[in-house]
């Protein structure tokens, strides 16, 4: 079965997996940072902006990585990108 999967699809699958891991680390790092800085309200504006960027960026990487993994695992036709392949 592994000989039927092209190198491009394998690369796309593992690249999507790497993006999902990075996105998960970014997103869940917010919870660790919140716990470490509990009760410290100094420099709140910059902290809130960084929190939002990490959360949205992490979720974006999780979504894009999942999409790339689905294309890599099933191909363009199997993932729904091509609706009527020949």
N, C-alpha and C. Protein backbone atom coordinates (compact mmCIF):
# COMPACT_ATOMS: atom_id res chain seq x y z
N UNK A 1 0.82 -1.20 0.00
CA UNK A 1 0.00 0.00 0.00
C UNK A 1 0.86 1.26 0.00
N UNK A 2 1.98 1.26 0.72
CA UNK A 2 2.80 2.46 0.79
C UNK A 2 3.47 2.77 -0.54
N UNK A 3 3.65 1.77 -1.41
CA UNK A 3 4.27 2.04 -2.70
C UNK A 3 3.32 2.76 -3.64
N UNK A 4 2.01 2.77 -3.33
CA UNK A 4 1.03 3.45 -4.18
C UNK A 4 0.89 4.93 -3.84
N UNK A 5 1.39 5.36 -2.72
CA UNK A 5 1.27 6.74 -2.30
C UNK A 5 2.48 7.51 -2.81
N UNK A 6 2.22 8.60 -3.55
CA UNK A 6 3.33 9.36 -4.13
C UNK A 6 4.09 10.13 -3.05
N UNK A 7 5.30 10.51 -3.39
CA UNK A 7 6.15 11.26 -2.46
C UNK A 7 5.55 12.64 -2.17
N UNK A 8 4.90 13.23 -3.15
CA UNK A 8 4.28 14.53 -2.95
C UNK A 8 3.15 14.48 -1.92
N UNK A 9 2.35 13.43 -1.99
CA UNK A 9 1.27 13.28 -1.02
C UNK A 9 1.80 13.00 0.38
N UNK A 10 2.87 12.21 0.47
CA UNK A 10 3.49 11.96 1.78
C UNK A 10 4.03 13.25 2.37
N UNK A 11 4.69 14.04 1.54
CA UNK A 11 5.25 15.31 2.00
C UNK A 11 4.15 16.25 2.45
N UNK A 12 3.06 16.33 1.69
CA UNK A 12 1.94 17.18 2.05
C UNK A 12 1.31 16.73 3.37
N UNK A 13 1.18 15.43 3.56
CA UNK A 13 0.61 14.89 4.79
C UNK A 13 1.47 15.26 6.00
N UNK A 14 2.78 15.06 5.90
CA UNK A 14 3.65 15.34 7.03
C UNK A 14 3.82 16.84 7.26
N UNK A 15 3.75 17.65 6.21
CA UNK A 15 3.79 19.09 6.37
C UNK A 15 2.54 19.58 7.10
N UNK A 16 1.39 19.01 6.74
CA UNK A 16 0.16 19.35 7.46
C UNK A 16 0.21 18.93 8.91
N UNK A 17 0.79 17.78 9.18
CA UNK A 17 0.95 17.32 10.56
C UNK A 17 1.85 18.27 11.35
N UNK A 18 2.94 18.72 10.73
CA UNK A 18 3.84 19.66 11.41
C UNK A 18 3.13 20.98 11.70
N UNK A 19 2.32 21.46 10.76
CA UNK A 19 1.56 22.69 10.99
C UNK A 19 0.57 22.51 12.14
N UNK A 20 -0.05 21.35 12.22
CA UNK A 20 -1.00 21.10 13.30
C UNK A 20 -0.29 21.05 14.66
N UNK A 21 0.88 20.48 14.71
CA UNK A 21 1.63 20.42 15.97
C UNK A 21 2.03 21.82 16.41
N UNK A 22 2.54 22.63 15.47
CA UNK A 22 2.92 24.00 15.81
C UNK A 22 1.70 24.81 16.23
N UNK A 23 0.59 24.65 15.52
CA UNK A 23 -0.63 25.36 15.89
C UNK A 23 -1.17 24.96 17.25
N UNK A 24 -1.09 23.67 17.57
CA UNK A 24 -1.53 23.21 18.88
C UNK A 24 -0.66 23.76 20.00
N UNK A 25 0.63 23.81 19.76
CA UNK A 25 1.54 24.38 20.77
C UNK A 25 1.25 25.86 20.97
N UNK A 26 1.04 26.59 19.87
CA UNK A 26 0.72 28.01 19.98
C UNK A 26 -0.58 28.23 20.75
N UNK A 27 -1.60 27.47 20.42
CA UNK A 27 -2.89 27.67 21.05
C UNK A 27 -2.86 27.31 22.53
N UNK A 28 -2.31 26.17 22.86
CA UNK A 28 -2.32 25.72 24.25
C UNK A 28 -1.28 26.43 25.12
N UNK A 29 -0.32 27.12 24.48
CA UNK A 29 0.63 27.90 25.27
C UNK A 29 -0.07 29.06 25.98
N UNK A 30 -1.19 29.52 25.44
CA UNK A 30 -1.95 30.59 26.10
C UNK A 30 -2.39 30.18 27.49
N UNK A 31 -2.81 28.96 27.66
CA UNK A 31 -3.28 28.50 28.96
C UNK A 31 -2.13 28.43 29.97
N UNK A 32 -0.96 28.04 29.52
CA UNK A 32 0.20 27.99 30.41
C UNK A 32 0.62 29.41 30.79
N UNK A 33 0.63 30.31 29.83
CA UNK A 33 1.02 31.69 30.11
C UNK A 33 0.01 32.36 31.03
N UNK A 34 -1.28 32.08 30.83
CA UNK A 34 -2.29 32.65 31.73
C UNK A 34 -2.10 32.14 33.16
N UNK A 35 -1.80 30.89 33.30
CA UNK A 35 -1.61 30.34 34.65
C UNK A 35 -0.37 30.90 35.32
N UNK A 36 0.69 31.12 34.56
CA UNK A 36 1.92 31.66 35.13
C UNK A 36 1.79 33.13 35.50
N UNK A 37 0.98 33.87 34.77
CA UNK A 37 0.82 35.31 35.01
C UNK A 37 -0.50 35.64 35.69
N UNK A 38 -1.07 34.73 36.41
CA UNK A 38 -2.37 34.94 37.06
C UNK A 38 -2.27 36.07 38.08
N UNK A 39 -3.11 37.09 37.92
CA UNK A 39 -3.14 38.21 38.86
C UNK A 39 -2.23 39.35 38.50
N UNK A 40 -1.40 39.21 37.49
CA UNK A 40 -0.48 40.27 37.08
C UNK A 40 -1.13 41.05 35.94
N UNK A 41 -1.55 42.28 36.21
CA UNK A 41 -2.25 43.08 35.21
C UNK A 41 -1.38 44.19 34.64
N UNK A 42 -0.09 44.13 34.86
CA UNK A 42 0.80 45.13 34.25
C UNK A 42 0.96 44.80 32.76
N UNK A 43 1.02 45.85 31.97
CA UNK A 43 1.19 45.70 30.51
C UNK A 43 0.08 44.85 29.90
N UNK A 44 -1.15 45.17 30.28
CA UNK A 44 -2.30 44.37 29.86
C UNK A 44 -2.59 44.48 28.35
N UNK A 45 -2.36 45.66 27.76
CA UNK A 45 -2.68 45.85 26.34
C UNK A 45 -1.83 44.94 25.45
N UNK A 46 -0.53 44.93 25.67
CA UNK A 46 0.36 44.09 24.86
C UNK A 46 0.11 42.61 25.13
N UNK A 47 -0.18 42.27 26.37
CA UNK A 47 -0.45 40.87 26.71
C UNK A 47 -1.70 40.36 26.00
N UNK A 48 -2.73 41.21 25.95
CA UNK A 48 -3.97 40.81 25.29
C UNK A 48 -3.77 40.65 23.79
N UNK A 49 -2.98 41.53 23.19
CA UNK A 49 -2.72 41.41 21.75
C UNK A 49 -1.94 40.14 21.45
N UNK A 50 -0.92 39.84 22.25
CA UNK A 50 -0.14 38.62 22.04
C UNK A 50 -1.00 37.38 22.25
N UNK A 51 -1.87 37.43 23.25
CA UNK A 51 -2.76 36.31 23.52
C UNK A 51 -3.66 36.05 22.32
N UNK A 52 -4.23 37.11 21.76
CA UNK A 52 -5.13 36.96 20.63
C UNK A 52 -4.39 36.45 19.40
N UNK A 53 -3.21 36.98 19.14
CA UNK A 53 -2.44 36.52 17.97
C UNK A 53 -2.06 35.05 18.09
N UNK A 54 -1.64 34.63 19.28
CA UNK A 54 -1.29 33.21 19.46
C UNK A 54 -2.51 32.32 19.31
N UNK A 55 -3.64 32.73 19.86
CA UNK A 55 -4.84 31.90 19.80
C UNK A 55 -5.35 31.78 18.36
N UNK A 56 -5.49 32.91 17.68
CA UNK A 56 -6.02 32.89 16.31
C UNK A 56 -5.02 32.24 15.36
N UNK A 57 -3.74 32.55 15.53
CA UNK A 57 -2.73 31.93 14.68
C UNK A 57 -2.65 30.43 14.88
N UNK A 58 -2.73 29.99 16.13
CA UNK A 58 -2.70 28.55 16.41
C UNK A 58 -3.90 27.82 15.83
N UNK A 59 -5.08 28.42 15.97
CA UNK A 59 -6.28 27.78 15.39
C UNK A 59 -6.21 27.77 13.86
N UNK A 60 -5.68 28.84 13.28
CA UNK A 60 -5.52 28.88 11.83
C UNK A 60 -4.57 27.79 11.34
N UNK A 61 -3.46 27.61 12.04
CA UNK A 61 -2.52 26.56 11.66
C UNK A 61 -3.12 25.17 11.85
N UNK A 62 -3.93 24.99 12.88
CA UNK A 62 -4.60 23.70 13.07
C UNK A 62 -5.56 23.41 11.92
N UNK A 63 -6.31 24.41 11.48
CA UNK A 63 -7.27 24.21 10.40
C UNK A 63 -6.56 23.95 9.07
N UNK A 64 -5.57 24.77 8.75
CA UNK A 64 -4.84 24.60 7.49
C UNK A 64 -4.09 23.26 7.48
N UNK A 65 -3.49 22.91 8.60
CA UNK A 65 -2.78 21.63 8.68
C UNK A 65 -3.71 20.44 8.52
N UNK A 66 -4.89 20.51 9.11
CA UNK A 66 -5.87 19.44 8.93
C UNK A 66 -6.33 19.31 7.50
N UNK A 67 -6.51 20.45 6.83
CA UNK A 67 -6.91 20.43 5.42
C UNK A 67 -5.81 19.81 4.56
N UNK A 68 -4.55 20.21 4.81
CA UNK A 68 -3.44 19.64 4.04
C UNK A 68 -3.28 18.15 4.31
N UNK A 69 -3.48 17.73 5.55
CA UNK A 69 -3.40 16.30 5.87
C UNK A 69 -4.47 15.50 5.15
N UNK A 70 -5.68 16.06 5.05
CA UNK A 70 -6.74 15.32 4.36
C UNK A 70 -6.44 15.19 2.88
N UNK A 71 -5.88 16.23 2.28
CA UNK A 71 -5.49 16.13 0.87
C UNK A 71 -4.36 15.13 0.70
N UNK A 72 -3.38 15.17 1.60
CA UNK A 72 -2.25 14.25 1.49
C UNK A 72 -2.64 12.80 1.71
N UNK A 73 -3.61 12.56 2.58
CA UNK A 73 -3.97 11.17 2.87
C UNK A 73 -4.92 10.57 1.83
N UNK A 74 -5.81 11.38 1.29
CA UNK A 74 -6.81 10.84 0.36
C UNK A 74 -6.65 11.32 -1.06
N UNK A 75 -5.76 12.24 -1.31
CA UNK A 75 -5.60 12.81 -2.64
C UNK A 75 -6.64 13.89 -2.88
N UNK A 76 -6.54 14.55 -4.02
CA UNK A 76 -7.46 15.65 -4.32
C UNK A 76 -8.89 15.18 -4.49
N UNK A 77 -9.08 14.04 -5.12
CA UNK A 77 -10.45 13.55 -5.35
C UNK A 77 -11.08 13.02 -4.06
N UNK A 78 -10.32 12.33 -3.25
CA UNK A 78 -10.85 11.75 -2.02
C UNK A 78 -11.14 12.77 -0.95
N UNK A 79 -10.44 13.91 -0.98
CA UNK A 79 -10.66 14.92 0.04
C UNK A 79 -11.77 15.90 -0.32
N UNK A 80 -12.32 15.80 -1.52
CA UNK A 80 -13.43 16.66 -1.92
C UNK A 80 -13.00 17.90 -2.67
N UNK A 81 -11.72 18.06 -2.98
CA UNK A 81 -11.27 19.22 -3.73
C UNK A 81 -11.69 19.08 -5.20
N UNK A 82 -11.50 17.90 -5.78
CA UNK A 82 -11.98 17.61 -7.14
C UNK A 82 -13.30 16.85 -7.00
N UNK A 83 -14.36 17.42 -7.57
CA UNK A 83 -15.67 16.80 -7.40
C UNK A 83 -15.94 15.70 -8.41
N UNK A 84 -15.45 15.84 -9.64
CA UNK A 84 -15.74 14.86 -10.67
C UNK A 84 -14.46 14.50 -11.40
N UNK A 85 -13.56 13.74 -10.78
CA UNK A 85 -12.30 13.42 -11.47
C UNK A 85 -12.52 12.38 -12.58
N UNK A 86 -11.72 12.48 -13.60
CA UNK A 86 -11.80 11.50 -14.70
C UNK A 86 -11.06 10.23 -14.36
